[in-house]
PDB file of N, CA and C in Angstrom:
ATOM      1  N   MET A   1      18.031  -4.005   2.392  1.00  0.00           N
ATOM      2  CA  MET A   1      16.756  -4.454   3.360  1.00  0.00           C
ATOM      3  C   MET A   1      15.229  -3.961   2.914  1.00  0.00           C
ATOM      4  N   ASN A   2      14.371  -4.922   3.089  1.00  0.00           N
ATOM      5  CA  ASN A   2      12.793  -4.670   2.509  1.00  0.00           C
ATOM      6  C   ASN A   2      13.140  -4.758   0.810  1.00  0.00           C
ATOM      7  N   ALA A   3      13.823  -5.677   0.311  1.00  0.00           N
ATOM      8  CA  ALA A   3      13.889  -5.753  -1.034  1.00  0.00           C
ATOM      9  C   ALA A   3      12.884  -6.960  -1.621  1.00  0.00           C
ATOM     10  N   ILE A   4      12.426  -6.837  -2.810  1.00  0.00           N
ATOM     11  CA  ILE A   4      11.552  -7.828  -3.355  1.00  0.00           C
ATOM     12  C   ILE A   4      12.171  -9.260  -2.792  1.00  0.00           C
ATOM     13  N   ASN A   5      11.222 -10.050  -2.762  1.00  0.00           N
ATOM     14  CA  ASN A   5      11.378 -11.625  -2.137  1.00  0.00           C
ATOM     15  C   ASN A   5      11.791 -12.155  -0.799  1.00  0.00           C
ATOM     16  N   GLU A   6      12.125 -10.660   0.049  1.00  0.00           N
ATOM     17  CA  GLU A   6      12.371 -10.740   1.449  1.00  0.00           C
ATOM     18  C   GLU A   6      10.948 -10.380   2.327  1.00  0.00           C
ATOM     19  N   VAL A   7      11.143 -10.849   3.687  1.00  0.00           N
ATOM     20  CA  VAL A   7      10.135 -10.620   4.692  1.00  0.00           C
ATOM     21  C   VAL A   7       9.981  -9.008   4.895  1.00  0.00           C
ATOM     22  N   ILE A   8       9.048  -8.200   4.715  1.00  0.00           N
ATOM     23  CA  ILE A   8       8.800  -6.818   5.244  1.00  0.00           C
ATOM     24  C   ILE A   8       9.492  -6.929   6.786  1.00  0.00           C
ATOM     25  N   ASN A   9      10.372  -5.808   6.769  1.00  0.00           N
ATOM     26  CA  ASN A   9      10.726  -5.212   8.018  1.00  0.00           C
ATOM     27  C   ASN A   9      10.200  -4.082   8.536  1.00  0.00           C
ATOM     28  N   PHE A  10       8.991  -4.166   9.281  1.00  0.00           N
ATOM     29  CA  PHE A  10       8.108  -3.069   9.628  1.00  0.00           C
ATOM     30  C   PHE A  10       8.974  -2.542  10.568  1.00  0.00           C
ATOM     31  N   GLU A  11       9.557  -2.514  11.564  1.00  0.00           N
ATOM     32  CA  GLU A  11      10.313  -1.775  12.232  1.00  0.00           C
ATOM     33  C   GLU A  11      11.242  -1.020  11.887  1.00  0.00           C
ATOM     34  N   GLU A  12      11.904  -1.394  10.880  1.00  0.00           N
ATOM     35  CA  GLU A  12      13.098  -0.551   9.830  1.00  0.00           C
ATOM     36  C   GLU A  12      12.491   0.210   8.795  1.00  0.00           C
ATOM     37  N   ILE A  13      11.286   0.302   8.349  1.00  0.00           N
ATOM     38  CA  ILE A  13      10.606   1.118   7.640  1.00  0.00           C
ATOM     39  C   ILE A  13      10.024   2.352   8.454  1.00  0.00           C
ATOM     40  N   VAL A  14       9.606   1.978   9.541  1.00  0.00           N
ATOM     41  CA  VAL A  14       9.059   3.079  10.388  1.00  0.00           C
ATOM     42  C   VAL A  14       9.830   4.167  10.692  1.00  0.00           C
ATOM     43  N   LYS A  15      10.981   3.640  11.135  1.00  0.00           N
ATOM     44  CA  LYS A  15      12.413   4.651  11.617  1.00  0.00           C
ATOM     45  C   LYS A  15      12.068   5.786  10.580  1.00  0.00           C
ATOM     46  N   SER A  16      12.021   5.580   9.237  1.00  0.00           N
ATOM     47  CA  SER A  16      12.607   6.667   8.429  1.00  0.00           C
ATOM     48  C   SER A  16      10.778   7.064   8.009  1.00  0.00           C
ATOM     49  N   CYS A  17       9.948   7.150   8.584  1.00  0.00           N
ATOM     50  CA  CYS A  17       8.794   7.471   8.263  1.00  0.00           C
ATOM     51  C   CYS A  17       8.048   8.553   8.869  1.00  0.00           C
ATOM     52  N   ARG A  18       7.040   9.484   8.216  1.00  0.00           N
ATOM     53  CA  ARG A  18       6.309  10.384   9.029  1.00  0.00           C
ATOM     54  C   ARG A  18       5.254   9.979   9.417  1.00  0.00           C
ATOM     55  N   VAL A  19       4.924  10.551  10.440  1.00  0.00           N
ATOM     56  CA  VAL A  19       3.421  10.361  11.034  1.00  0.00           C
ATOM     57  C   VAL A  19       2.331  11.054  10.034  1.00  0.00           C
ATOM     58  N   PHE A  20       1.218  10.190   9.721  1.00  0.00           N
ATOM     59  CA  PHE A  20      -0.009  10.652   8.903  1.00  0.00           C
ATOM     60  C   PHE A  20      -1.052  10.006   9.277  1.00  0.00           C
ATOM     61  N   ASN A  21      -1.999  10.983   8.789  1.00  0.00           N
ATOM     62  CA  ASN A  21      -3.605  10.467   8.821  1.00  0.00           C
ATOM     63  C   ASN A  21      -3.818   9.575   7.976  1.00  0.00           C
ATOM     64  N   PRO A  22      -4.366   7.903   8.515  1.00  0.00           N
ATOM     65  CA  PRO A  22      -4.665   7.069   7.747  1.00  0.00           C
ATOM     66  C   PRO A  22      -6.094   7.425   7.155  1.00  0.00           C
ATOM     67  N   ASN A  23      -7.102   8.373   7.731  1.00  0.00           N
ATOM     68  CA  ASN A  23      -8.217   8.401   7.363  1.00  0.00           C
ATOM     69  C   ASN A  23      -7.982   9.457   5.815  1.00  0.00           C
ATOM     70  N   GLU A  24      -7.055  10.268   5.769  1.00  0.00           N
ATOM     71  CA  GLU A  24      -7.021  11.091   4.627  1.00  0.00           C
ATOM     72  C   GLU A  24      -6.602  10.174   3.394  1.00  0.00           C
ATOM     73  N   THR A  25      -5.511   9.045   3.887  1.00  0.00           N
ATOM     74  CA  THR A  25      -5.049   8.355   2.884  1.00  0.00           C
ATOM     75  C   THR A  25      -6.378   7.312   2.223  1.00  0.00           C
ATOM     76  N   MET A  26      -7.147   7.054   3.018  1.00  0.00           N
ATOM     77  CA  MET A  26      -8.318   6.158   3.018  1.00  0.00           C
ATOM     78  C   MET A  26      -9.016   6.810   1.960  1.00  0.00           C
ATOM     79  N   LEU A  27      -9.436   8.037   2.263  1.00  0.00           N
ATOM     80  CA  LEU A  27     -10.294   9.072   1.321  1.00  0.00           C
ATOM     81  C   LEU A  27      -9.319   9.312  -0.270  1.00  0.00           C
ATOM     82  N   GLN A  28      -8.076   9.020  -0.140  1.00  0.00           N
ATOM     83  CA  GLN A  28      -7.418   9.217  -1.160  1.00  0.00           C
ATOM     84  C   GLN A  28      -7.541   7.994  -2.306  1.00  0.00           C
ATOM     85  N   LEU A  29      -7.530   6.987  -1.352  1.00  0.00           N
ATOM     86  CA  LEU A  29      -7.986   5.546  -2.177  1.00  0.00           C
ATOM     87  C   LEU A  29      -9.376   5.316  -2.673  1.00  0.00           C
ATOM     88  N   ARG A  30     -10.443   5.895  -2.092  1.00  0.00           N
ATOM     89  CA  ARG A  30     -11.763   5.665  -2.335  1.00  0.00           C
ATOM     90  C   ARG A  30     -11.798   6.867  -3.294  1.00  0.00           C
ATOM     91  N   MET A  31     -11.257   7.779  -3.889  1.00  0.00           N
ATOM     92  CA  MET A  31     -11.878   8.701  -4.863  1.00  0.00           C
ATOM     93  C   MET A  31     -11.943   7.645  -6.332  1.00  0.00           C
ATOM     94  N   GLN A  32     -11.418   6.820  -6.341  1.00  0.00           N
ATOM     95  CA  GLN A  32     -11.378   6.007  -7.464  1.00  0.00           C
ATOM     96  C   GLN A  32     -12.617   4.800  -7.001  1.00  0.00           C
ATOM     97  N   PRO A  33     -13.677   4.894  -6.657  1.00  0.00           N
ATOM     98  CA  PRO A  33     -14.390   3.992  -5.897  1.00  0.00           C
ATOM     99  C   PRO A  33     -14.744   2.279  -6.643  1.00  0.00           C
ATOM    100  N   MET A  34     -14.455   2.935  -8.116  1.00  0.00           N
ATOM    101  CA  MET A  34     -14.607   1.123  -8.845  1.00  0.00           C
ATOM    102  C   MET A  34     -13.500   0.428  -8.867  1.00  0.00           C
ATOM    103  N   LYS A  35     -12.322   1.399  -8.797  1.00  0.00           N
ATOM    104  CA  LYS A  35     -11.082   0.581  -8.228  1.00  0.00           C
ATOM    105  C   LYS A  35     -10.976  -0.001  -7.248  1.00  0.00           C
ATOM    106  N   PHE A  36     -11.116   0.936  -6.084  1.00  0.00           N
ATOM    107  CA  PHE A  36     -11.055   0.456  -4.680  1.00  0.00           C
ATOM    108  C   PHE A  36     -11.883  -0.657  -4.617  1.00  0.00           C
ATOM    109  N   MET A  37     -13.211  -0.783  -4.927  1.00  0.00           N
ATOM    110  CA  MET A  37     -14.226  -1.967  -4.845  1.00  0.00           C
ATOM    111  C   MET A  37     -13.861  -2.934  -4.914  1.00  0.00           C
ATOM    112  N   CYS A  38     -12.856  -3.014  -6.341  1.00  0.00           N
ATOM    113  CA  CYS A  38     -12.532  -4.130  -6.914  1.00  0.00           C
ATOM    114  C   CYS A  38     -11.440  -4.698  -6.217  1.00  0.00           C
ATOM    115  N   TRP A  39     -10.944  -4.236  -5.428  1.00  0.00           N
ATOM    116  CA  TRP A  39      -9.626  -4.857  -4.417  1.00  0.00           C
ATOM    117  C   TRP A  39     -10.209  -5.879  -3.304  1.00  0.00           C
ATOM    118  N   GLY A  40     -11.274  -5.778  -3.253  1.00  0.00           N
ATOM    119  CA  GLY A  40     -11.898  -6.352  -2.021  1.00  0.00           C
ATOM    120  C   GLY A  40     -10.999  -6.121  -0.538  1.00  0.00           C
ATOM    121  N   ALA A  41     -11.072  -4.857  -0.552  1.00  0.00           N
ATOM    122  CA  ALA A  41     -10.252  -4.481   0.524  1.00  0.00           C
ATOM    123  C   ALA A  41     -10.852  -4.525   2.006  1.00  0.00           C
ATOM    124  N   THR A  42     -10.055  -5.553   2.754  1.00  0.00           N
ATOM    125  CA  THR A  42     -10.497  -5.917   4.156  1.00  0.00           C
ATOM    126  C   THR A  42      -9.297  -5.675   5.067  1.00  0.00           C
ATOM    127  N   LYS A  43     -10.099  -5.291   6.549  1.00  0.00           N
ATOM    128  CA  LYS A  43      -8.903  -5.913   7.844  1.00  0.00           C
ATOM    129  C   LYS A  43      -8.087  -4.743   7.556  1.00  0.00           C
ATOM    130  N   PHE A  44      -8.446  -3.499   7.796  1.00  0.00           N
ATOM    131  CA  PHE A  44      -7.432  -2.286   7.664  1.00  0.00           C
ATOM    132  C   PHE A  44      -6.996  -2.145   9.184  1.00  0.00           C
ATOM    133  N   THR A  45      -5.778  -2.018   9.268  1.00  0.00           N
ATOM    134  CA  THR A  45      -4.795  -1.843  10.611  1.00  0.00           C
ATOM    135  C   THR A  45      -4.106  -0.601  10.422  1.00  0.00           C
ATOM    136  N   VAL A  46      -3.809  -0.032  11.268  1.00  0.00           N
ATOM    137  CA  VAL A  46      -2.789   0.956  11.891  1.00  0.00           C
ATOM    138  C   VAL A  46      -2.037   0.673  12.743  1.00  0.00           C
ATOM    139  N   ASP A  47      -0.759   0.956  12.669  1.00  0.00           N
ATOM    140  CA  ASP A  47       0.444   0.482  13.654  1.00  0.00           C
ATOM    141  C   ASP A  47       0.088   1.362  15.082  1.00  0.00           C
ATOM    142  N   ASN A  48      -0.118   2.725  15.056  1.00  0.00           N
ATOM    143  CA  ASN A  48      -0.365   3.415  16.672  1.00  0.00           C
ATOM    144  C   ASN A  48      -1.369   4.326  16.171  1.00  0.00           C
ATOM    145  N   MET A  49      -2.511   4.239  16.995  1.00  0.00           N
ATOM    146  CA  MET A  49      -3.335   4.914  16.940  1.00  0.00           C
ATOM    147  C   MET A  49      -2.990   6.525  17.157  1.00  0.00           C
ATOM    148  N   ARG A  50      -2.207   6.847  18.042  1.00  0.00           N
ATOM    149  CA  ARG A  50      -1.866   8.066  18.517  1.00  0.00           C
ATOM    150  C   ARG A  50      -0.719   8.794  17.657  1.00  0.00           C
ATOM    151  N   ASN A  51       0.281   7.989  17.210  1.00  0.00           N
ATOM    152  CA  ASN A  51       1.293   8.464  15.820  1.00  0.00           C
ATOM    153  C   ASN A  51       1.607   7.516  14.762  1.00  0.00           C
ATOM    154  N   PRO A  52       0.269   7.263  14.004  1.00  0.00           N
ATOM    155  CA  PRO A  52       0.401   6.533  12.806  1.00  0.00           C
ATOM    156  C   PRO A  52       1.319   6.542  11.723  1.00  0.00           C
ATOM    157  N   LYS A  53       2.099   5.689  11.509  1.00  0.00           N
ATOM    158  CA  LYS A  53       3.165   5.725  10.433  1.00  0.00           C
ATOM    159  C   LYS A  53       2.876   4.668   9.234  1.00  0.00           C
ATOM    160  N   MET A  54       2.015   3.740   9.721  1.00  0.00           N
ATOM    161  CA  MET A  54       1.676   2.771   8.694  1.00  0.00           C
ATOM    162  C   MET A  54       0.188   2.404   8.488  1.00  0.00           C
ATOM    163  N   LEU A  55      -0.345   2.294   7.218  1.00  0.00           N
ATOM    164  CA  LEU A  55      -1.858   1.678   6.923  1.00  0.00           C
ATOM    165  C   LEU A  55      -1.810   0.354   6.290  1.00  0.00           C
ATOM    166  N   ARG A  56      -2.069  -0.938   6.737  1.00  0.00           N
ATOM    167  CA  ARG A  56      -2.038  -1.854   6.226  1.00  0.00           C
ATOM    168  C   ARG A  56      -3.081  -2.314   5.990  1.00  0.00           C
ATOM    169  N   PHE A  57      -3.656  -3.102   4.739  1.00  0.00           N
ATOM    170  CA  PHE A  57      -5.001  -3.793   4.514  1.00  0.00           C
ATOM    171  C   PHE A  57      -4.900  -4.934   3.601  1.00  0.00           C
ATOM    172  N   TYR A  58      -6.073  -5.824   3.764  1.00  0.00           N
ATOM    173  CA  TYR A  58      -5.752  -7.064   2.707  1.00  0.00           C
ATOM    174  C   TYR A  58      -6.359  -6.724   1.622  1.00  0.00           C
ATOM    175  N   VAL A  59      -6.124  -7.309   0.439  1.00  0.00           N
ATOM    176  CA  VAL A  59      -6.914  -7.229  -0.806  1.00  0.00           C
ATOM    177  C   VAL A  59      -6.763  -8.744  -1.422  1.00  0.00           C
ATOM    178  N   SER A  60      -8.063  -8.782  -2.104  1.00  0.00           N
ATOM    179  CA  SER A  60      -8.314  -9.897  -3.096  1.00  0.00           C
ATOM    180  C   SER A  60      -8.764  -9.841  -4.321  1.00  0.00           C
ATOM    181  N   GLY A  61      -7.330  -9.320  -4.907  1.00  0.00           N
ATOM    182  CA  GLY A  61      -7.788  -8.692  -6.271  1.00  0.00           C
ATOM    183  C   GLY A  61      -7.403  -9.847  -7.636  1.00  0.00           C
ATOM    184  N   MET A  62      -7.668  -9.755  -8.622  1.00  0.00           N
ATOM    185  CA  MET A  62      -7.171 -10.488  -9.681  1.00  0.00           C
ATOM    186  C   MET A  62      -6.146 -11.329  -9.928  1.00  0.00           C
ATOM    187  N   LYS A  63      -4.887 -10.562  -9.482  1.00  0.00           N
ATOM    188  CA  LYS A  63      -3.451 -10.922  -9.554  1.00  0.00           C
ATOM    189  C   LYS A  63      -2.820 -10.798  -8.479  1.00  0.00           C
ATOM    190  N   HIS A  64      -3.632 -10.379  -7.481  1.00  0.00           N
ATOM    191  CA  HIS A  64      -2.926 -10.630  -6.176  1.00  0.00           C
ATOM    192  C   HIS A  64      -3.948 -10.657  -4.988  1.00  0.00           C
ATOM    193  N   LYS A  65      -3.568 -11.617  -4.110  1.00  0.00           N
ATOM    194  CA  LYS A  65      -4.335 -11.870  -2.691  1.00  0.00           C
ATOM    195  C   LYS A  65      -3.349 -11.850  -1.810  1.00  0.00           C
ATOM    196  N   GLY A  66      -3.280 -10.847  -1.023  1.00  0.00           N
ATOM    197  CA  GLY A  66      -2.392 -10.514   0.125  1.00  0.00           C
ATOM    198  C   GLY A  66      -2.533  -8.822   0.817  1.00  0.00           C
ATOM    199  N   HIS A  67      -1.554  -8.386   1.370  1.00  0.00           N
ATOM    200  CA  HIS A  67      -1.337  -7.045   2.062  1.00  0.00           C
ATOM    201  C   HIS A  67      -0.619  -6.143   1.280  1.00  0.00           C
ATOM    202  N   VAL A  68      -1.563  -5.095   1.435  1.00  0.00           N
ATOM    203  CA  VAL A  68      -0.758  -3.769   1.064  1.00  0.00           C
ATOM    204  C   VAL A  68      -0.451  -2.836   2.062  1.00  0.00           C
ATOM    205  N   TYR A  69       0.875  -2.411   2.514  1.00  0.00           N
ATOM    206  CA  TYR A  69       1.258  -1.482   3.405  1.00  0.00           C
ATOM    207  C   TYR A  69       1.517  -0.260   2.780  1.00  0.00           C
ATOM    208  N   ILE A  70       1.151   0.898   3.425  1.00  0.00           N
ATOM    209  CA  ILE A  70       1.280   2.361   3.026  1.00  0.00           C
ATOM    210  C   ILE A  70       1.918   3.305   4.039  1.00  0.00           C
ATOM    211  N   PHE A  71       3.290   3.884   3.568  1.00  0.00           N
ATOM    212  CA  PHE A  71       3.834   4.305   4.409  1.00  0.00           C
ATOM    213  C   PHE A  71       4.098   6.091   4.013  1.00  0.00           C
ATOM    214  N   LEU A  72       4.337   7.178   4.926  1.00  0.00           N
ATOM    215  CA  LEU A  72       4.674   8.272   4.168  1.00  0.00           C
ATOM    216  C   LEU A  72       5.969   8.548   4.257  1.00  0.00           C
ATOM    217  N   ASN A  73       6.864   8.887   3.552  1.00  0.00           N
ATOM    218  CA  ASN A  73       8.371   8.873   3.470  1.00  0.00           C
ATOM    219  C   ASN A  73       8.474  10.520   4.254  1.00  0.00           C
ATOM    220  N   GLY A  74       9.534  10.962   4.560  1.00  0.00           N
ATOM    221  CA  GLY A  74      10.301  12.113   4.823  1.00  0.00           C
ATOM    222  C   GLY A  74      10.248  13.111   3.536  1.00  0.00           C
ATOM    223  N   MET A  75       9.762  12.767   2.308  1.00  0.00           N
ATOM    224  CA  MET A  75       9.684  13.404   1.300  1.00  0.00           C
ATOM    225  C   MET A  75       7.995  14.193   1.138  1.00  0.00           C
ATOM    226  N   ASP A  76       7.067  13.414   2.033  1.00  0.00           N
ATOM    227  CA  ASP A  76       5.979  13.507   2.112  1.00  0.00           C
ATOM    228  C   ASP A  76       5.322  12.794   0.708  1.00  0.00           C
ATOM    229  N   LEU A  77       5.857  11.406   0.388  1.00  0.00           N
ATOM    230  CA  LEU A  77       5.261  10.609  -0.777  1.00  0.00           C
ATOM    231  C   LEU A  77       5.324   9.279  -0.128  1.00  0.00           C
ATOM    232  N   TYR A  78       4.306   8.709  -0.737  1.00  0.00           N
ATOM    233  CA  TYR A  78       4.142   7.473  -0.423  1.00  0.00           C
ATOM    234  C   TYR A  78       4.883   6.164  -0.593  1.00  0.00           C
ATOM    235  N   ASP A  79       5.344   5.283   0.035  1.00  0.00           N
ATOM    236  CA  ASP A  79       6.078   4.149  -0.230  1.00  0.00           C
ATOM    237  C   ASP A  79       4.796   2.688   0.318  1.00  0.00           C
ATOM    238  N   VAL A  80       4.830   2.281  -0.736  1.00  0.00           N
ATOM    239  CA  VAL A  80       4.140   1.365  -0.751  1.00  0.00           C
ATOM    240  C   VAL A  80       4.791  -0.167  -1.008  1.00  0.00           C
ATOM    241  N   TYR A  81       4.056  -1.270  -0.107  1.00  0.00           N
ATOM    242  CA  TYR A  81       4.925  -2.541  -0.535  1.00  0.00           C
ATOM    243  C   TYR A  81       3.650  -3.408  -0.655  1.00  0.00           C
ATOM    244  N   ILE A  82       3.844  -4.207  -1.496  1.00  0.00           N
ATOM    245  CA  ILE A  82       2.483  -5.278  -1.712  1.00  0.00           C
ATOM    246  C   ILE A  82       3.133  -6.691  -1.095  1.00  0.00           C
ATOM    247  N   THR A  83       2.803  -7.364  -0.167  1.00  0.00           N
ATOM    248  CA  THR A  83       3.071  -8.657  -0.014  1.00  0.00           C
ATOM    249  C   THR A  83       2.162  -9.831   0.361  1.00  0.00           C
ATOM    250  N   THR A  84       2.722 -10.919   0.631  1.00  0.00           N
ATOM    251  CA  THR A  84       1.633 -11.908   0.483  1.00  0.00           C
ATOM    252  C   THR A  84       1.106 -11.934   2.019  1.00  0.00           C
ATOM    253  N   THR A  85       0.448 -12.533   2.479  1.00  0.00           N
ATOM    254  CA  THR A  85      -0.009 -12.781   3.707  1.00  0.00           C
ATOM    255  C   THR A  85       0.871 -13.087   4.835  1.00  0.00           C
ATOM    256  N   LYS A  86       2.159 -13.549   4.344  1.00  0.00           N
ATOM    257  CA  LYS A  86       3.104 -14.099   5.368  1.00  0.00           C
ATOM    258  C   LYS A  86       3.896 -12.837   5.410  1.00  0.00           C
ATOM    259  N   GLY A  87       3.968 -11.709   4.381  1.00  0.00           N
ATOM    260  CA  GLY A  87       4.837 -10.668   4.789  1.00  0.00           C
ATOM    261  C   GLY A  87       6.123 -10.527   3.692  1.00  0.00           C
ATOM    262  N   THR A  88       6.137 -11.823   2.819  1.00  0.00           N
ATOM    263  CA  THR A  88       7.096 -11.705   1.707  1.00  0.00           C
ATOM    264  C   THR A  88       6.768 -10.302   0.812  1.00  0.00           C
ATOM    265  N   ILE A  89       7.683  -9.734   0.496  1.00  0.00           N
ATOM    266  CA  ILE A  89       7.503  -8.566  -0.530  1.00  0.00           C
ATOM    267  C   ILE A  89       7.288  -8.988  -1.905  1.00  0.00           C
ATOM    268  N   ILE A  90       6.104  -8.623  -2.350  1.00  0.00           N
ATOM    269  CA  ILE A  90       6.172  -9.045  -4.059  1.00  0.00           C
ATOM    270  C   ILE A  90       6.666  -7.992  -4.676  1.00  0.00           C
ATOM    271  N   ASP A  91       6.239  -6.832  -4.438  1.00  0.00           N
ATOM    272  CA  ASP A  91       6.417  -5.544  -5.452  1.00  0.00           C
ATOM    273  C   ASP A  91       6.556  -4.184  -4.291  1.00  0.00           C
ATOM    274  N   LYS A  92       6.912  -3.263  -4.823  1.00  0.00           N
ATOM    275  CA  LYS A  92       7.201  -2.194  -3.921  1.00  0.00           C
ATOM    276  C   LYS A  92       7.422  -0.963  -4.960  1.00  0.00           C
ATOM    277  N   SER A  93       7.136   0.344  -4.318  1.00  0.00           N
ATOM    278  CA  SER A  93       7.048   1.266  -5.269  1.00  0.00           C
ATOM    279  C   SER A  93       8.613   1.661  -5.168  1.00  0.00           C
ATOM    280  N   ASP A  94       9.099   2.832  -6.487  1.00  0.00           N
ATOM    281  CA  ASP A  94      10.640   2.943  -6.317  1.00  0.00           C
ATOM    282  C   ASP A  94      10.875   3.718  -4.872  1.00  0.00           C
ATOM    283  N   ASP A  95      12.124   4.015  -4.873  1.00  0.00           N
ATOM    284  CA  ASP A  95      12.845   4.397  -3.764  1.00  0.00           C
ATOM    285  C   ASP A  95      12.484   6.256  -3.589  1.00  0.00           C
ATOM    286  N   MET A  96      12.009   6.575  -4.478  1.00  0.00           N
ATOM    287  CA  MET A  96      11.482   8.084  -4.375  1.00  0.00           C
ATOM    288  C   MET A  96       9.718   8.319  -3.817  1.00  0.00           C
ATOM    289  N   GLY A  97       9.160   7.109  -3.996  1.00  0.00           N
ATOM    290  CA  GLY A  97       7.696   7.351  -3.708  1.00  0.00           C
ATOM    291  C   GLY A  97       6.753   7.303  -4.610  1.00  0.00           C
ATOM    292  N   LEU A  98       5.558   7.689  -4.070  1.00  0.00           N
ATOM    293  CA  LEU A  98       4.172   7.772  -5.178  1.00  0.00           C
ATOM    294  C   LEU A  98       3.780   9.030  -4.486  1.00  0.00           C
ATOM    295  N   TYR A  99       3.502   9.927  -5.550  1.00  0.00           N
ATOM    296  CA  TYR A  99       2.502  11.521  -5.190  1.00  0.00           C
ATOM    297  C   TYR A  99       1.229  10.720  -4.986  1.00  0.00           C
ATOM    298  N   PHE A 100       0.308  11.270  -4.175  1.00  0.00           N
ATOM    299  CA  PHE A 100      -0.888  11.089  -3.662  1.00  0.00           C
ATOM    300  C   PHE A 100      -1.825  10.572  -4.998  1.00  0.00           C
ATOM    301  N   ASP A 101      -1.534  11.076  -6.172  1.00  0.00           N
ATOM    302  CA  ASP A 101      -2.327  11.016  -7.251  1.00  0.00           C
ATOM    303  C   ASP A 101      -2.022  10.000  -7.815  1.00  0.00           C
ATOM    304  N   GLN A 102      -1.025   9.169  -7.685  1.00  0.00           N
ATOM    305  CA  GLN A 102      -0.216   8.279  -8.309  1.00  0.00           C
ATOM    306  C   GLN A 102      -0.567   6.924  -7.425  1.00  0.00           C
ATOM    307  N   LEU A 103      -0.985   6.928  -6.366  1.00  0.00           N
ATOM    308  CA  LEU A 103      -1.363   5.679  -5.002  1.00  0.00           C
ATOM    309  C   LEU A 103      -2.221   4.921  -5.408  1.00  0.00           C
ATOM    310  N   THR A 104      -3.756   5.132  -5.971  1.00  0.00           N
ATOM    311  CA  THR A 104      -4.571   4.215  -6.307  1.00  0.00           C
ATOM    312  C   THR A 104      -4.162   3.519  -7.599  1.00  0.00           C
ATOM    313  N   ASP A 105      -3.820   4.333  -8.811  1.00  0.00           N
ATOM    314  CA  ASP A 105      -3.560   3.621  -9.722  1.00  0.00           C
ATOM    315  C   ASP A 105      -2.289   2.419  -9.947  1.00  0.00           C
ATOM    316  N   TRP A 106      -1.273   3.208  -9.123  1.00  0.00           N
ATOM    317  CA  TRP A 106       0.387   2.123  -8.681  1.00  0.00           C
ATOM    318  C   TRP A 106      -0.278   0.857  -8.017  1.00  0.00           C
ATOM    319  N   ILE A 107      -1.426   0.951  -7.090  1.00  0.00           N
ATOM    320  CA  ILE A 107      -1.757  -0.164  -6.124  1.00  0.00           C
ATOM    321  C   ILE A 107      -2.819  -1.276  -7.209  1.00  0.00           C
ATOM    322  N   ASP A 108      -3.712  -0.342  -7.811  1.00  0.00           N
ATOM    323  CA  ASP A 108      -4.649  -1.155  -9.004  1.00  0.00           C
ATOM    324  C   ASP A 108      -3.890  -1.993 -10.088  1.00  0.00           C
ATOM    325  N   ASN A 109      -2.754  -1.243 -10.420  1.00  0.00           N
ATOM    326  CA  ASN A 109      -1.887  -2.135 -11.520  1.00  0.00           C
ATOM    327  C   ASN A 109      -1.585  -3.285 -10.849  1.00  0.00           C
ATOM    328  N   ARG A 110      -0.991  -3.467  -9.724  1.00  0.00           N
ATOM    329  CA  ARG A 110      -0.138  -4.442  -9.181  1.00  0.00           C
ATOM    330  C   ARG A 110      -1.232  -5.498  -8.742  1.00  0.00           C
ATOM    331  N   ILE A 111      -2.363  -5.223  -8.294  1.00  0.00           N
ATOM    332  CA  ILE A 111      -3.289  -6.205  -7.671  1.00  0.00           C
ATOM    333  C   ILE A 111      -4.679  -6.395  -8.497  1.00  0.00           C
ATOM    334  N   GLU A 112      -4.925  -5.586  -9.405  1.00  0.00           N
ATOM    335  CA  GLU A 112      -6.341  -5.954  -9.903  1.00  0.00           C
ATOM    336  C   GLU A 112      -6.277  -6.152 -11.639  1.00  0.00           C
ATOM    337  N   LYS A 113      -5.545  -4.616 -12.064  1.00  0.00           N
ATOM    338  CA  LYS A 113      -5.474  -4.903 -13.469  1.00  0.00           C
ATOM    339  C   LYS A 113      -4.716  -5.764 -14.232  1.00  0.00           C
ATOM    340  N   THR A 114      -5.566  -6.219 -15.287  1.00  0.00           N
ATOM    341  CA  THR A 114      -4.946  -7.290 -16.432  1.00  0.00           C
ATOM    342  C   THR A 114      -4.972  -6.943 -17.518  1.00  0.00           C
ATOM    343  N   GLU A 115      -4.244  -7.473 -18.440  1.00  0.00           N
ATOM    344  CA  GLU A 115      -4.023  -7.117 -19.988  1.00  0.00           C
ATOM    345  C   GLU A 115      -5.558  -7.383 -20.429  1.00  0.00           C
ATOM    346  N   ARG A 116      -6.160  -7.997 -20.010  1.00  0.00           N
ATOM    347  CA  ARG A 116      -7.523  -8.223 -20.497  1.00  0.00           C
ATOM    348  C   ARG A 116      -8.681  -7.307 -20.035  1.00  0.00           C
ATOM    349  N   HIS A 117      -8.109  -6.576 -19.041  1.00  0.00           N
ATOM    350  CA  HIS A 117      -9.275  -5.875 -18.503  1.00  0.00           C
ATOM    351  C   HIS A 117      -8.141  -4.162 -18.070  1.00  0.00           C
ATOM    352  N   ALA A 118      -7.624  -3.984 -19.402  1.00  0.00           N
ATOM    353  CA  ALA A 118      -7.184  -2.543 -19.522  1.00  0.00           C
ATOM    354  C   ALA A 118      -7.804  -1.617 -19.645  1.00  0.00           C
ATOM    355  N   TRP A 119      -8.990  -1.243 -18.883  1.00  0.00           N
ATOM    356  CA  TRP A 119      -9.620   0.032 -19.054  1.00  0.00           C
ATOM    357  C   TRP A 119      -9.304   1.039 -18.468  1.00  0.00           C
TER     358      TRP A 119
END
């Protein structure tokens, strides 16, 4: 379930996620402003303002145009899904999750960074 080339099942993922502060996650992403700006990130969505378990936004990068979903798993690590606008999973973080300091680079490598622009 929730494998690459499947449509993301938001309800299934949320069952095993923790409530987190999406504003803190946004600050984390913006700590590398040049990368964040290049994504063309818009349409930020939180699933539930009282108990948020998901942050979603649209990106328009060089390699990918679609959505990025961010969840916080039970180990306090981020689970990230890169999807099309229709919700088909293109890529996802491994089952262990990502540490906060890996989040921006991991996303950037999948939606923006190309061999030509390997800075």
